[in-house]
Amino acid sequence: MTLPCVILAGGLGTRMRPFTETMPKALVPVLGVPFADRQLAHLAGQGVERVVYSVGHGGPMLRSHVGDGSRFGLRVTWVDEGPRLRGTGGALRLAFERRALEDAFFVLYGDSYLPISMSEVEWAWRRSSAPALMTVMRNEGRWDRSNAAFADGRVIAYDKTRPEERGAEMLWIDYGLSILTRQVIEEGIEPGGSMDLADIFHRLSLAGHLAGFEVAERFYEVGSPSGVRDLEAYLSERAASRST
């Protein structure tokens, strides 16, 4: 059975204003369908059965739309940060404290659409014996600033600041899908703490505890108007190829 998936969907979505002034980014329409519907259907098609939504801004509206997830063939649990956003790591710590996390789980952002085999990612993590895994794509500055060094199935350095002494080897970028164990959250983030998940990955990479899975196909997202247009073009092209 595929691991459960935590979706981090608590951000303010500032690049999608004015749309996100009245609703959460996860409900941005993509070809006339709320993005959350497409993301959840994709997860169900990958074999995911349980989703934990971590929400903040616009959380009640998203919860009202998705409900218990049964119409997607999923079981959805909700963890609401409320007005105090704790960062992506702090959101996972809150989910831990509310006993919403299982022993191991995928982590996915609420604006990401990733054409990737989650079963292959999970299999790579199980083979690695590492407490965490990050999917990476060889980027070399194409989509955004590269932030990871990858070798022999491990992310040997992950740092959003891209320190000068390691810049030459940081040719990969975080693809947006990870696997974490509950123990990493329990031991790495203080109760009630606020933290960016990037800080956790940074420490794990330097300790040699971050496995990696390299992806070739680009990622899609709805965090910006251009991202929405790219995703719509991708989905339209895929639908056309299926109909021929």
Protein backbone atom coordinates (compact mmCIF):
# COMPACT_ATOMS: atom_id res chain seq x y z
CA MET A 1 0.00 0.00 0.00
CA THR A 2 1.29 3.45 -0.94
CA LEU A 3 2.36 5.74 1.90
CA PRO A 4 -0.09 8.44 3.04
CA CYS A 5 0.54 11.96 1.78
CA VAL A 6 0.66 15.22 3.74
CA ILE A 7 -0.29 18.21 1.61
CA LEU A 8 1.08 21.52 2.86
CA ALA A 9 -1.52 24.07 1.80
CA GLY A 10 -1.33 26.81 4.42
CA GLY A 11 0.49 29.57 2.54
CA LEU A 12 -0.85 32.98 1.63
CA GLY A 13 -0.32 32.59 -2.12
CA THR A 14 0.88 36.16 -2.56
CA ARG A 15 1.94 35.67 -6.21
CA MET A 16 -1.64 34.72 -7.11
CA ARG A 17 -3.29 37.85 -5.76
CA PRO A 18 -5.95 39.15 -6.13
CA PHE A 19 -7.41 35.63 -6.53
CA THR A 20 -5.95 34.47 -3.20
CA GLU A 21 -7.34 37.44 -1.30
CA THR A 22 -10.69 35.67 -1.23
CA MET A 23 -9.83 31.95 -1.49
CA PRO A 24 -6.91 29.55 -1.02
CA LYS A 25 -4.42 28.90 -3.79
CA ALA A 26 -5.46 25.22 -3.90
CA LEU A 27 -8.80 26.31 -5.38
CA VAL A 28 -7.27 28.20 -8.32
CA PRO A 29 -9.18 27.02 -11.43
CA VAL A 30 -7.13 25.00 -13.91
CA LEU A 31 -9.02 24.50 -17.17
CA GLY A 32 -12.19 25.29 -15.23
CA VAL A 33 -11.56 22.76 -12.44
CA PRO A 34 -10.30 23.68 -8.94
CA PHE A 35 -6.64 22.69 -8.70
CA ALA A 36 -7.22 20.65 -5.54
CA ASP A 37 -9.54 18.35 -7.49
CA ARG A 38 -6.84 17.67 -10.06
CA GLN A 39 -4.16 17.13 -7.44
CA LEU A 40 -6.27 14.76 -5.35
CA ALA A 41 -7.42 12.77 -8.39
CA HIS A 42 -3.78 12.43 -9.42
CA LEU A 43 -2.80 11.16 -5.95
CA ALA A 44 -5.64 8.63 -5.94
CA GLY A 45 -4.51 7.44 -9.36
CA GLN A 46 -1.03 6.89 -7.90
CA GLY A 47 -2.41 4.56 -5.25
CA VAL A 48 -2.53 6.99 -2.33
CA GLU A 49 -5.41 6.21 0.00
CA ARG A 50 -4.96 8.69 2.84
CA VAL A 51 -4.23 12.42 2.72
CA VAL A 52 -3.50 14.81 5.58
CA TYR A 53 -4.21 18.41 4.61
CA SER A 54 -2.26 20.99 6.58
CA VAL A 55 -4.09 24.28 6.04
CA GLY A 56 -3.99 27.88 7.19
CA HIS A 57 -5.06 30.74 4.92
CA GLY A 58 -8.44 29.86 3.42
CA GLY A 59 -8.48 26.53 5.23
CA PRO A 60 -12.20 26.44 6.03
CA MET A 61 -13.08 27.13 2.38
CA LEU A 62 -10.78 24.36 1.14
CA ARG A 63 -12.12 21.96 3.75
CA SER A 64 -15.69 22.74 2.74
CA HIS A 65 -14.81 21.97 -0.88
CA VAL A 66 -12.83 18.76 -0.36
CA GLY A 67 -14.65 17.34 2.66
CA ASP A 68 -13.62 13.85 3.72
CA GLY A 69 -12.13 13.09 0.30
CA SER A 70 -14.48 10.21 -0.43
CA ARG A 71 -15.49 11.55 -3.86
CA PHE A 72 -11.83 11.16 -4.87
CA GLY A 73 -11.52 7.71 -3.33
CA LEU A 74 -9.45 9.11 -0.47
CA ARG A 75 -9.63 9.48 3.30
CA VAL A 76 -8.76 13.09 4.15
CA THR A 77 -7.73 14.33 7.61
CA TRP A 78 -7.46 18.04 8.38
CA VAL A 79 -4.94 19.96 10.51
CA ASP A 80 -5.63 23.71 10.65
CA GLU A 81 -2.86 26.09 11.77
CA GLY A 82 -5.32 28.93 12.18
CA PRO A 83 -4.02 32.50 11.93
CA ARG A 84 -0.55 31.69 13.29
CA LEU A 85 1.46 30.18 10.44
CA ARG A 86 4.39 28.09 11.70
CA GLY A 87 6.27 27.49 8.48
CA THR A 88 6.29 24.20 6.58
CA GLY A 89 8.25 22.37 9.26
CA GLY A 90 6.15 23.81 12.06
CA ALA A 91 3.02 22.70 10.21
CA LEU A 92 4.31 19.12 10.22
CA ARG A 93 5.14 19.39 13.93
CA LEU A 94 1.54 20.50 14.59
CA ALA A 95 0.27 17.51 12.58
CA PHE A 96 2.53 15.29 14.71
CA GLU A 97 1.17 16.78 17.94
CA ARG A 98 -2.38 16.17 16.76
CA ARG A 99 -1.50 12.53 15.97
CA ALA A 100 -2.23 12.92 12.29
CA LEU A 101 1.10 11.53 11.06
CA GLU A 102 1.83 7.89 10.41
CA ASP A 103 5.28 6.33 10.77
CA ALA A 104 6.31 7.51 7.29
CA PHE A 105 4.58 9.72 4.74
CA PHE A 106 4.96 11.67 1.52
CA VAL A 107 5.10 15.46 1.75
CA LEU A 108 3.68 17.47 -1.15
CA TYR A 109 2.96 21.17 -1.54
CA GLY A 110 -0.61 22.27 -2.12
CA ASP A 111 0.25 24.02 -5.39
CA SER A 112 2.33 21.23 -6.99
CA TYR A 113 1.33 18.90 -9.82
CA LEU A 114 4.06 16.33 -10.35
CA PRO A 115 4.01 13.80 -13.22
CA ILE A 116 5.97 11.20 -11.29
CA SER A 117 5.59 7.59 -10.17
CA MET A 118 5.12 7.78 -6.42
CA SER A 119 5.55 4.01 -6.08
CA GLU A 120 9.04 4.29 -7.60
CA VAL A 121 9.89 7.09 -5.17
CA GLU A 122 8.65 5.03 -2.24
CA TRP A 123 10.62 1.99 -3.39
CA ALA A 124 13.80 4.07 -3.63
CA TRP A 125 13.26 5.35 -0.09
CA ARG A 126 12.71 1.86 1.32
CA ARG A 127 15.90 0.63 -0.35
CA SER A 128 17.89 3.57 1.01
CA SER A 129 17.26 2.89 4.74
CA ALA A 130 17.42 6.69 5.21
CA PRO A 131 14.93 8.53 7.45
CA ALA A 132 14.05 10.91 4.61
CA LEU A 133 14.12 11.21 0.84
CA MET A 134 13.94 14.21 -1.47
CA THR A 135 13.09 14.05 -5.16
CA VAL A 136 15.43 16.20 -7.23
CA MET A 137 15.74 17.28 -10.86
CA ARG A 138 18.91 18.32 -12.65
CA ASN A 139 18.14 21.98 -13.09
CA GLU A 140 21.29 24.03 -13.73
CA GLY A 141 19.31 27.21 -13.16
CA ARG A 142 16.54 26.49 -15.71
CA TRP A 143 13.39 26.69 -13.58
CA ASP A 144 14.66 28.40 -10.45
CA ARG A 145 17.85 28.68 -8.44
CA SER A 146 19.45 25.23 -8.06
CA ASN A 147 19.75 24.25 -4.40
CA ALA A 148 20.92 20.63 -4.12
CA ALA A 149 23.96 18.46 -4.77
CA PHE A 150 23.13 14.85 -5.61
CA ALA A 151 25.38 11.79 -5.93
CA ASP A 152 25.02 8.02 -5.59
CA GLY A 153 21.39 8.11 -4.50
CA ARG A 154 21.92 10.74 -1.80
CA VAL A 155 21.32 14.45 -1.54
CA ILE A 156 24.74 15.31 -0.16
CA ALA A 157 23.97 19.01 0.27
CA TYR A 158 20.73 20.95 0.27
CA ASP A 159 20.83 24.67 0.92
CA LYS A 160 18.48 27.34 -0.44
CA THR A 161 21.18 29.96 0.14
CA ARG A 162 23.54 28.08 -2.22
CA PRO A 163 26.85 28.83 -0.44
CA GLU A 164 29.62 29.91 -2.77
CA GLU A 165 31.93 27.06 -1.81
CA ARG A 166 29.36 24.46 -2.96
CA GLY A 167 27.74 26.35 -5.82
CA ALA A 168 29.55 24.41 -8.54
CA GLU A 169 28.08 21.08 -7.41
CA MET A 170 24.57 22.36 -6.71
CA LEU A 171 23.09 21.53 -10.11
CA TRP A 172 19.83 19.98 -8.89
CA ILE A 173 16.64 21.47 -7.51
CA ASP A 174 14.09 20.18 -5.00
CA TYR A 175 11.34 18.68 -7.18
CA GLY A 176 8.62 19.11 -4.56
CA LEU A 177 7.88 15.57 -3.34
CA SER A 178 9.59 14.12 -0.28
CA ILE A 179 9.27 11.28 2.19
CA LEU A 180 9.78 11.80 5.91
CA THR A 181 9.46 9.63 8.98
CA ARG A 182 7.54 10.75 12.03
CA GLN A 183 10.74 10.44 14.05
CA VAL A 184 12.40 13.18 11.99
CA ILE A 185 9.61 15.57 12.92
CA GLU A 186 9.55 14.55 16.57
CA GLU A 187 13.30 14.93 17.03
CA GLY A 188 13.98 17.80 14.66
CA ILE A 189 11.31 20.37 15.60
CA GLU A 190 10.48 21.55 19.09
CA PRO A 191 6.87 21.29 20.33
CA GLY A 192 4.89 24.26 19.11
CA GLY A 193 7.89 25.39 17.10
CA SER A 194 8.06 27.34 13.86
CA MET A 195 10.50 26.22 11.18
CA ASP A 196 10.93 25.93 7.46
CA LEU A 197 11.11 22.38 6.18
CA ALA A 198 14.16 23.46 4.17
CA ASP A 199 16.11 23.75 7.42
CA ILE A 200 15.30 20.13 8.27
CA PHE A 201 16.42 18.94 4.84
CA HIS A 202 19.62 20.99 5.14
CA ARG A 203 20.57 19.29 8.40
CA LEU A 204 19.66 15.84 7.12
CA SER A 205 21.74 16.31 3.97
CA LEU A 206 24.86 17.36 5.88
CA ALA A 207 24.45 14.38 8.22
CA GLY A 208 24.22 11.97 5.27
CA HIS A 209 20.63 11.06 6.14
CA LEU A 210 18.81 12.39 3.06
CA ALA A 211 18.25 9.91 0.24
CA GLY A 212 17.56 11.25 -3.24
CA PHE A 213 15.50 10.23 -6.25
CA GLU A 214 16.29 11.92 -9.55
CA VAL A 215 13.40 12.92 -11.80
CA ALA A 216 13.73 13.80 -15.49
CA GLU A 217 10.35 15.39 -16.32
CA ARG A 218 9.70 18.97 -15.22
CA PHE A 219 7.33 19.89 -12.41
CA TYR A 220 4.18 22.03 -12.63
CA GLU A 221 2.61 24.39 -10.10
CA VAL A 222 -0.13 26.95 -9.62
CA GLY A 223 1.84 29.34 -7.46
CA SER A 224 1.99 31.97 -10.19
CA PRO A 225 -0.06 32.96 -13.27
CA SER A 226 2.67 31.63 -15.58
CA GLY A 227 2.68 28.36 -13.64
CA VAL A 228 -1.06 27.98 -14.15
CA ARG A 229 -0.68 28.59 -17.89
CA ASP A 230 2.10 25.99 -18.16
CA LEU A 231 0.03 23.40 -16.29
CA GLU A 232 -3.02 24.06 -18.45
CA ALA A 233 -0.91 23.62 -21.58
CA TYR A 234 0.52 20.36 -20.26
CA LEU A 235 -2.90 18.94 -19.30
CA SER A 236 -4.43 20.00 -22.63
CA GLU A 237 -1.61 18.37 -24.58
CA ARG A 238 -1.93 15.17 -22.55
CA ALA A 239 -5.70 15.06 -23.06
CA ALA A 240 -5.26 15.56 -26.82
CA SER A 241 -2.71 12.75 -27.07
CA ARG A 242 -5.04 10.39 -25.23
CA SER A 243 -7.92 11.13 -27.59
CA THR A 244 -5.95 10.28 -30.73
